[in-house]
Amino acid sequence: MELLSTLSMKEAKEKTREVFQDIVLKIDKVSILEAVNRVVAEDIISPVNVPEFHRSTVDGYAVVSRDTNGSSETLPSFLNIVGEIQMGNAVDLTIKGGECCYIPTGGMLPKGSDAIVMVEYTELLDDVTVCIQKPVAPLENVLQKGDDIKEGSVIFKKGHQLRSQDIGVLAGMGFTSVEVYKKLKVSIISTGDELVALDEKLEMGKIRDMNTYSLSTGILQDDCIIEEAIIVKDDFSTLKETLEKSIETSDLVLISGGSSMGTKDITKDVINAVGEPGVFIHGIAVKPGKPTIVGRINNTAIFGLPGQPVSAMVVYQTLVKDYIHYIYGLKKVQPYILGEITVNVSSGTGREHYVMVTITEEVEKTWVTPVYGKSGMLTMMTNSIGYICIDQNKEGLYKGEKVKVYLF
């Protein structure tokens, strides 16, 4: 029997990136309302200063700061009120020494003024006189022109994934559209004589297809398009024909099942039969997910994932997601939580071990507890908040040891 020549997960990621380093995505120009979660294709440069004028950050009085020197509750300064700033209007008013004017938060500073005294530190004596009870320094409570964003500066770099707050910034600067990368088109193929679709009758010995749905939703969360998601039998000719059609329309194909070394595990042979360069990874030193396959046919990436649901999702979260981020040019760090493991966890050396976990938060500590089960058990994923990774050179973890929980 052929033995798997395994790579570490780090080596597998590096090898995959190397093989696909020549891939260049096409660009879409979309409305900013359609741009959330899309990846910026070119640096976005600010056409304006933000703000475009000096503005107040508080409600209060625009003053010449030196007029407030030494002001206190017991020895206040007295200034003449010469006007009031209206929101949304250009200001044609000049403040001179001994004068001030009322200004709301966001209001445009009048000429001559260089600071704002918060209204909490003032007392109105009459319609034209205000008592200043606290000194302010020059530019105190003032947002200067260009303080937030300077004209000509890079707002979002190429490879940035736009969030809802980013869309607001683009709108605030007058952008109606933005250039983003076209979404990757993905086909998902679940293989297995035992698999039945949701609309089929479940007979004894058969199981419901799960991976098609878990992988599809993962693909959607990673800003890709599902070209098709289908089930095929463990048959060489059928899988070969399906894969040939998929690579014509897809940038990425996920084949779930058929990646180990059993008599019906045909994914590797099918990939190599369809086109070149074919399979370049067969076996990764991880648990679960050792028999993972990675190949390339023309410009299409093909990942052969284990059929067991937990194994498939672990490989998706660690390897496939990394590939998608690489192709999009994303520089994302997977979020994690630090905590302490609640029990001893054993692990064999020579491969990274991914353990599904849940967490319990207390006042001063976060406890991390393994979720036990075999890779075919559906509840391992649903009962987990994420996973920990035990290094391939470690024999396990001791109770109380600090760990990183990588969140799903």
Protein backbone atom coordinates (compact mmCIF):
# COMPACT_ATOMS: atom_id res chain seq x y z
CA MET A 1 0.00 0.00 0.00
CA GLU A 2 1.27 3.48 -0.89
CA LEU A 3 2.31 5.53 2.13
CA LEU A 4 1.39 9.17 2.49
CA SER A 5 4.38 11.52 2.30
CA THR A 6 3.11 14.05 4.79
CA LEU A 7 3.96 17.72 5.19
CA SER A 8 3.42 19.84 8.26
CA MET A 9 0.47 22.25 8.11
CA LYS A 10 2.94 25.14 7.82
CA GLU A 11 4.70 23.41 4.91
CA ALA A 12 1.35 22.62 3.25
CA LYS A 13 0.29 26.28 3.43
CA GLU A 14 3.62 27.46 2.03
CA LYS A 15 3.59 24.85 -0.77
CA THR A 16 0.03 25.76 -1.75
CA ARG A 17 0.85 29.46 -1.88
CA GLU A 18 3.94 28.73 -3.97
CA VAL A 19 2.00 26.68 -6.51
CA PHE A 20 -0.69 29.37 -6.92
CA GLN A 21 1.47 32.49 -6.67
CA ASP A 22 0.76 33.37 -10.33
CA ILE A 23 -3.02 33.62 -9.89
CA VAL A 24 -4.37 37.13 -10.51
CA LEU A 25 -8.01 37.86 -9.77
CA LYS A 26 -10.18 40.05 -11.96
CA ILE A 27 -11.67 43.26 -10.58
CA ASP A 28 -15.27 44.34 -10.06
CA LYS A 29 -16.52 47.90 -9.60
CA VAL A 30 -19.46 47.77 -7.20
CA SER A 31 -21.70 50.14 -5.28
CA ILE A 32 -20.48 50.77 -1.75
CA LEU A 33 -23.72 49.17 -0.52
CA GLU A 34 -22.63 45.96 -2.25
CA ALA A 35 -19.03 46.21 -1.08
CA VAL A 36 -19.31 44.98 2.52
CA ASN A 37 -17.01 41.96 3.08
CA ARG A 38 -15.47 42.48 -0.38
CA VAL A 39 -11.70 42.77 -0.73
CA VAL A 40 -10.20 46.05 -1.96
CA ALA A 41 -8.38 45.53 -5.28
CA GLU A 42 -6.37 48.80 -5.27
CA ASP A 43 -5.33 51.25 -2.58
CA ILE A 44 -8.18 53.69 -1.90
CA ILE A 45 -6.89 57.27 -1.71
CA SER A 46 -8.74 60.04 0.11
CA PRO A 47 -9.85 62.83 -2.27
CA VAL A 48 -10.52 65.22 0.63
CA ASN A 49 -9.43 66.20 4.12
CA VAL A 50 -11.55 64.80 6.93
CA PRO A 51 -12.75 66.98 8.49
CA GLU A 52 -12.66 69.62 5.79
CA PHE A 53 -12.63 72.43 8.37
CA HIS A 54 -11.64 72.97 12.01
CA ARG A 55 -14.54 71.70 14.11
CA SER A 56 -15.56 71.44 17.74
CA THR A 57 -15.61 68.09 19.52
CA VAL A 58 -17.86 69.36 22.35
CA ASP A 59 -20.73 71.72 23.06
CA GLY A 60 -19.31 74.94 24.44
CA TYR A 61 -17.83 78.31 23.57
CA ALA A 62 -15.25 79.07 20.90
CA VAL A 63 -12.59 81.31 22.45
CA VAL A 64 -9.12 82.72 22.05
CA SER A 65 -7.33 80.34 24.43
CA ARG A 66 -5.10 83.00 26.02
CA ASP A 67 -8.24 84.77 27.28
CA THR A 68 -8.89 81.80 29.59
CA ASN A 69 -5.46 81.70 31.27
CA GLY A 70 -5.84 81.40 35.04
CA SER A 71 -9.63 80.96 34.92
CA SER A 72 -11.22 79.10 37.82
CA GLU A 73 -14.52 78.88 39.69
CA THR A 74 -13.30 81.41 42.22
CA LEU A 75 -11.59 83.70 39.72
CA PRO A 76 -13.37 83.27 36.37
CA SER A 77 -12.81 85.11 33.11
CA PHE A 78 -15.63 87.10 31.53
CA LEU A 79 -16.10 87.11 27.77
CA ASN A 80 -18.55 88.84 25.46
CA ILE A 81 -20.80 86.59 23.40
CA VAL A 82 -20.77 87.85 19.81
CA GLY A 83 -22.72 85.11 18.07
CA GLU A 84 -23.77 81.45 17.79
CA ILE A 85 -22.55 78.83 15.33
CA GLN A 86 -25.27 76.95 13.45
CA MET A 87 -24.65 73.33 12.44
CA GLY A 88 -24.32 72.74 8.72
CA ASN A 89 -23.64 76.39 7.86
CA ALA A 90 -20.43 78.03 6.73
CA VAL A 91 -19.16 80.48 9.34
CA ASP A 92 -18.54 84.13 8.52
CA LEU A 93 -17.56 85.28 11.98
CA THR A 94 -14.25 86.41 13.50
CA ILE A 95 -13.49 86.16 17.23
CA LYS A 96 -11.22 88.77 18.77
CA GLY A 97 -9.63 88.94 22.21
CA GLY A 98 -12.26 89.15 24.95
CA GLU A 99 -14.94 87.62 22.70
CA CYS A 100 -16.50 84.18 22.25
CA CYS A 101 -19.42 82.46 20.59
CA TYR A 102 -21.53 79.41 21.35
CA ILE A 103 -20.70 76.33 19.25
CA PRO A 104 -22.30 72.85 19.16
CA THR A 105 -20.41 69.58 18.76
CA GLY A 106 -19.26 69.31 15.14
CA GLY A 107 -19.68 73.01 14.50
CA MET A 108 -17.19 74.96 12.37
CA LEU A 109 -14.76 77.11 14.37
CA PRO A 110 -15.02 80.83 13.70
CA LYS A 111 -11.91 82.67 12.55
CA GLY A 112 -9.67 83.91 15.34
CA SER A 113 -10.70 81.21 17.84
CA ASP A 114 -8.32 78.36 18.67
CA ALA A 115 -10.03 76.35 21.43
CA ILE A 116 -13.40 75.37 22.89
CA VAL A 117 -14.43 75.67 26.54
CA MET A 118 -16.91 72.92 27.41
CA VAL A 119 -20.30 74.26 28.40
CA GLU A 120 -19.97 72.44 31.75
CA TYR A 121 -17.21 74.88 32.71
CA THR A 122 -19.16 78.02 31.88
CA GLU A 123 -21.99 80.03 33.40
CA LEU A 124 -24.20 82.38 31.41
CA LEU A 125 -24.48 85.70 33.23
CA ASP A 126 -26.76 87.43 30.71
CA ASP A 127 -27.50 87.37 27.00
CA VAL A 128 -24.11 88.79 26.07
CA THR A 129 -21.75 87.67 28.85
CA VAL A 130 -20.42 84.25 29.81
CA CYS A 131 -18.31 83.30 32.80
CA ILE A 132 -15.36 80.95 31.97
CA GLN A 133 -14.39 78.77 34.93
CA LYS A 134 -11.58 76.65 33.46
CA PRO A 135 -8.60 77.46 31.21
CA VAL A 136 -8.09 75.74 27.84
CA ALA A 137 -4.94 75.18 25.86
CA PRO A 138 -4.62 76.02 22.16
CA LEU A 139 -6.57 73.46 20.03
CA GLU A 140 -8.20 71.92 23.10
CA ASN A 141 -11.53 70.26 22.13
CA VAL A 142 -10.79 71.00 18.47
CA LEU A 143 -10.53 68.55 15.55
CA GLN A 144 -8.35 70.26 12.97
CA LYS A 145 -8.75 70.09 9.21
CA GLY A 146 -7.32 66.75 8.05
CA ASP A 147 -6.78 65.45 11.60
CA ASP A 148 -8.80 62.30 10.85
CA ILE A 149 -7.82 61.71 7.20
CA LYS A 150 -5.53 63.84 5.07
CA GLU A 151 -6.20 64.43 1.40
CA GLY A 152 -4.04 62.08 -0.69
CA SER A 153 -3.49 59.56 2.12
CA VAL A 154 -4.30 55.84 1.81
CA ILE A 155 -7.58 55.08 3.54
CA PHE A 156 -7.72 51.34 2.81
CA LYS A 157 -4.87 49.32 1.41
CA LYS A 158 -5.19 46.75 -1.35
CA GLY A 159 -6.25 43.47 0.28
CA HIS A 160 -8.38 45.09 3.00
CA GLN A 161 -11.76 43.43 3.59
CA LEU A 162 -14.38 46.12 3.88
CA ARG A 163 -16.55 46.19 7.02
CA SER A 164 -19.72 48.14 7.71
CA GLN A 165 -17.78 50.93 9.44
CA ASP A 166 -15.49 51.16 6.40
CA ILE A 167 -18.50 51.63 4.13
CA GLY A 168 -19.53 54.56 6.32
CA VAL A 169 -16.10 56.14 5.92
CA LEU A 170 -16.27 55.76 2.12
CA ALA A 171 -19.71 57.37 2.09
CA GLY A 172 -18.46 60.21 4.26
CA MET A 173 -15.81 61.01 1.66
CA GLY A 174 -18.21 60.92 -1.25
CA PHE A 175 -17.42 57.49 -2.74
CA THR A 176 -20.40 55.86 -4.47
CA SER A 177 -18.50 52.82 -5.78
CA VAL A 178 -15.27 50.95 -5.12
CA GLU A 179 -13.03 48.48 -6.98
CA VAL A 180 -12.91 45.04 -5.37
CA TYR A 181 -11.73 41.59 -6.40
CA LYS A 182 -14.21 39.33 -8.14
CA LYS A 183 -15.47 36.64 -5.81
CA LEU A 184 -13.93 33.19 -6.14
CA LYS A 185 -16.31 30.68 -7.71
CA VAL A 186 -16.38 27.43 -5.76
CA SER A 187 -17.79 23.98 -6.53
CA ILE A 188 -18.36 21.51 -3.69
CA ILE A 189 -18.49 17.78 -4.40
CA SER A 190 -19.37 15.30 -1.66
CA THR A 191 -18.51 11.72 -2.55
CA GLY A 192 -19.88 8.53 -1.04
CA ASP A 193 -22.21 5.66 -1.90
CA GLU A 194 -23.72 6.09 1.56
CA LEU A 195 -24.70 9.76 1.18
CA VAL A 196 -28.25 10.93 0.55
CA ALA A 197 -29.52 14.46 -0.09
CA LEU A 198 -31.98 16.20 2.21
CA ASP A 199 -34.88 15.56 -0.16
CA GLU A 200 -34.17 11.81 -0.40
CA LYS A 201 -35.54 9.04 1.79
CA LEU A 202 -33.07 7.94 4.46
CA GLU A 203 -32.67 4.15 4.35
CA MET A 204 -30.77 1.92 6.76
CA GLY A 205 -27.04 2.14 6.10
CA LYS A 206 -27.30 5.58 4.49
CA ILE A 207 -26.39 8.93 6.06
CA ARG A 208 -27.48 12.48 5.39
CA ASP A 209 -25.00 14.63 3.51
CA MET A 210 -23.58 17.14 5.98
CA ASN A 211 -20.32 18.34 4.47
CA THR A 212 -21.95 19.96 1.43
CA TYR A 213 -23.84 22.30 3.76
CA SER A 214 -21.11 23.04 6.31
CA LEU A 215 -18.58 23.71 3.56
CA SER A 216 -21.05 25.81 1.56
CA THR A 217 -21.77 28.11 4.47
CA GLY A 218 -18.06 28.37 5.20
CA ILE A 219 -17.48 29.40 1.58
CA LEU A 220 -20.19 32.07 1.80
CA GLN A 221 -18.70 33.44 5.01
CA ASP A 222 -15.36 33.74 3.23
CA ASP A 223 -16.86 35.92 0.50
CA CYS A 224 -16.95 33.34 -2.29
CA ILE A 225 -19.69 32.24 -4.68
CA ILE A 226 -21.05 28.68 -4.66
CA GLU A 227 -21.09 27.58 -8.28
CA GLU A 228 -22.59 24.17 -7.43
CA ALA A 229 -22.83 21.78 -4.49
CA ILE A 230 -23.56 18.16 -5.40
CA ILE A 231 -23.28 14.54 -4.23
CA VAL A 232 -21.63 11.89 -6.42
CA LYS A 233 -21.11 8.17 -5.93
CA ASP A 234 -17.71 6.56 -5.28
CA ASP A 235 -17.16 5.91 -8.95
CA PHE A 236 -14.04 6.95 -10.87
CA SER A 237 -15.78 7.83 -14.13
CA THR A 238 -18.60 9.75 -12.44
CA LEU A 239 -16.25 11.79 -10.25
CA LYS A 240 -13.91 12.43 -13.19
CA GLU A 241 -16.75 13.73 -15.34
CA THR A 242 -18.05 15.90 -12.48
CA LEU A 243 -14.63 17.37 -11.77
CA GLU A 244 -14.03 18.12 -15.47
CA LYS A 245 -17.23 20.15 -15.57
CA SER A 246 -16.48 21.89 -12.28
CA ILE A 247 -13.03 23.17 -13.25
CA GLU A 248 -14.50 24.82 -16.35
CA THR A 249 -16.55 27.21 -14.20
CA SER A 250 -14.80 27.27 -10.82
CA ASP A 251 -11.70 28.83 -9.29
CA LEU A 252 -11.76 26.35 -6.43
CA VAL A 253 -13.18 22.83 -6.06
CA LEU A 254 -13.67 21.08 -2.72
CA ILE A 255 -14.05 17.30 -2.87
CA SER A 256 -15.22 15.83 0.40
CA GLY A 257 -14.42 12.14 0.87
CA GLY A 258 -12.21 9.72 -1.03
CA SER A 259 -8.90 11.21 0.07
CA SER A 260 -7.36 8.43 2.19
CA MET A 261 -5.91 5.14 0.96
CA GLY A 262 -8.91 2.80 0.93
CA THR A 263 -10.02 0.85 -2.12
CA LYS A 264 -12.67 3.45 -2.98
CA ASP A 265 -10.57 6.49 -2.13
CA ILE A 266 -10.15 7.70 -5.69
CA THR A 267 -9.83 11.48 -5.45
CA LYS A 268 -6.07 11.60 -6.02
CA ASP A 269 -6.26 9.41 -9.13
CA VAL A 270 -9.19 11.38 -10.53
CA ILE A 271 -7.42 14.72 -10.13
CA ASN A 272 -4.30 13.39 -11.83
CA ALA A 273 -6.39 11.92 -14.64
CA VAL A 274 -8.26 15.17 -15.34
CA GLY A 275 -5.31 17.48 -15.92
CA GLU A 276 -1.94 18.89 -14.99
CA PRO A 277 0.00 19.56 -12.88
CA GLY A 278 -2.34 17.45 -10.72
CA VAL A 279 -1.84 16.52 -7.08
CA PHE A 280 1.12 18.11 -5.31
CA ILE A 281 0.16 17.36 -1.69
CA HIS A 282 -1.23 14.07 -0.40
CA GLY A 283 -1.02 13.89 3.34
CA ILE A 284 -0.59 16.52 6.07
CA ALA A 285 0.82 15.74 9.52
CA VAL A 286 -2.33 16.75 11.40
CA LYS A 287 -5.00 15.04 13.44
CA PRO A 288 -7.72 15.01 12.25
CA GLY A 289 -7.23 15.48 8.52
CA LYS A 290 -4.06 13.56 7.65
CA PRO A 291 -5.15 12.28 4.18
CA THR A 292 -5.85 15.78 2.81
CA ILE A 293 -5.12 16.29 -0.90
CA VAL A 294 -4.23 19.51 -2.70
CA GLY A 295 -3.95 19.74 -6.48
CA ARG A 296 -4.06 22.14 -9.37
CA ILE A 297 -5.58 21.77 -12.84
CA ASN A 298 -4.94 24.77 -15.05
CA ASN A 299 -5.81 27.74 -12.77
CA THR A 300 -8.25 25.82 -10.56
CA ALA A 301 -7.32 24.72 -7.04
CA ILE A 302 -8.66 21.36 -5.89
CA PHE A 303 -8.74 20.35 -2.23
CA GLY A 304 -9.55 16.75 -1.34
CA LEU A 305 -10.95 16.85 2.19
CA PRO A 306 -11.65 13.91 4.49
CA GLY A 307 -15.24 12.70 4.49
CA GLN A 308 -15.58 12.79 8.26
CA PRO A 309 -17.38 16.07 9.13
CA VAL A 310 -15.03 17.27 11.86
CA SER A 311 -11.93 16.41 9.83
CA ALA A 312 -13.33 18.22 6.80
CA MET A 313 -14.12 21.37 8.76
CA VAL A 314 -10.75 21.42 10.55
CA VAL A 315 -8.93 21.24 7.20
CA TYR A 316 -11.24 23.89 5.76
CA GLN A 317 -10.66 26.24 8.70
CA THR A 318 -6.87 25.80 8.68
CA LEU A 319 -5.80 25.17 5.07
CA VAL A 320 -8.58 26.08 2.64
CA LYS A 321 -9.37 29.36 4.40
CA ASP A 322 -5.66 30.24 4.36
CA TYR A 323 -5.61 29.66 0.58
CA ILE A 324 -8.69 31.84 0.03
CA HIS A 325 -7.15 34.65 2.10
CA TYR A 326 -3.89 34.32 0.15
CA ILE A 327 -5.61 34.58 -3.23
CA TYR A 328 -7.58 37.62 -2.07
CA GLY A 329 -4.42 39.17 -0.61
CA LEU A 330 -6.01 39.33 2.84
CA LYS A 331 -3.77 39.86 5.86
CA LYS A 332 -6.14 38.46 8.48
CA VAL A 333 -5.23 37.05 11.86
CA GLN A 334 -7.54 34.34 13.11
CA PRO A 335 -9.14 35.54 16.36
CA TYR A 336 -8.31 33.57 19.48
CA ILE A 337 -8.91 33.56 23.24
CA LEU A 338 -6.28 32.70 25.85
CA GLY A 339 -7.25 30.27 28.56
CA GLU A 340 -6.14 27.36 30.76
CA ILE A 341 -6.87 23.74 29.89
CA THR A 342 -9.00 21.98 32.51
CA VAL A 343 -7.58 18.45 32.06
CA ASN A 344 -4.51 16.64 30.81
CA VAL A 345 -4.67 16.07 27.05
CA SER A 346 -2.51 13.40 25.42
CA SER A 347 -1.20 13.68 21.87
CA GLY A 348 1.18 11.67 19.74
CA THR A 349 4.29 13.41 18.43
CA GLY A 350 4.92 13.87 14.73
CA ARG A 351 1.71 15.65 13.81
CA GLU A 352 -0.28 18.67 14.92
CA HIS A 353 -3.32 17.72 16.92
CA TYR A 354 -6.47 19.87 16.68
CA VAL A 355 -8.78 19.47 19.65
CA MET A 356 -12.32 20.86 19.68
CA VAL A 357 -12.99 22.84 22.86
CA THR A 358 -15.49 24.96 24.72
CA ILE A 359 -14.73 27.71 27.23
CA THR A 360 -16.03 28.80 30.63
CA GLU A 361 -15.28 32.33 31.79
CA GLU A 362 -14.81 33.21 35.45
CA VAL A 363 -13.86 36.51 37.09
CA GLU A 364 -10.10 36.04 36.74
CA LYS A 365 -9.72 33.00 34.47
CA THR A 366 -10.93 31.46 31.25
CA TRP A 367 -11.16 27.68 31.40
CA VAL A 368 -10.78 25.59 28.24
CA THR A 369 -12.41 22.16 28.15
CA PRO A 370 -11.98 19.57 25.37
CA VAL A 371 -15.07 18.31 23.57
CA TYR A 372 -14.56 14.59 23.24
CA GLY A 373 -15.74 12.40 20.40
CA LYS A 374 -14.71 10.81 17.14
CA SER A 375 -14.29 12.71 13.87
CA GLY A 376 -17.62 11.47 12.53
CA MET A 377 -19.66 12.81 15.47
CA LEU A 378 -21.68 15.86 14.50
CA THR A 379 -21.95 17.20 18.06
CA MET A 380 -18.19 17.73 18.31
CA MET A 381 -18.56 20.80 16.12
CA THR A 382 -21.87 22.11 17.45
CA ASN A 383 -20.68 21.85 21.06
CA SER A 384 -17.39 23.61 20.32
CA ILE A 385 -16.57 27.31 20.22
CA GLY A 386 -13.24 26.65 18.51
CA TYR A 387 -10.15 24.50 18.68
CA ILE A 388 -6.69 24.35 20.18
CA CYS A 389 -3.61 23.17 18.31
CA ILE A 390 -1.08 20.90 20.02
CA ASP A 391 2.33 21.23 18.38
CA GLN A 392 3.66 18.18 16.56
CA ASN A 393 6.66 18.04 18.88
CA LYS A 394 4.56 17.88 22.08
CA GLU A 395 3.17 14.74 23.67
CA GLY A 396 0.20 16.62 25.05
CA LEU A 397 -0.89 19.30 27.49
CA TYR A 398 -0.94 19.39 31.27
CA LYS A 399 -3.94 20.58 33.24
CA GLY A 400 -3.63 24.32 33.86
CA GLU A 401 -1.37 24.91 30.85
CA LYS A 402 -2.13 28.09 28.92
CA VAL A 403 -3.55 27.58 25.42
CA LYS A 404 -4.88 29.59 22.50
CA VAL A 405 -8.46 28.83 21.48
CA TYR A 406 -8.87 29.64 17.77
CA LEU A 407 -12.49 30.66 17.26
CA PHE A 408 -14.74 29.30 14.54
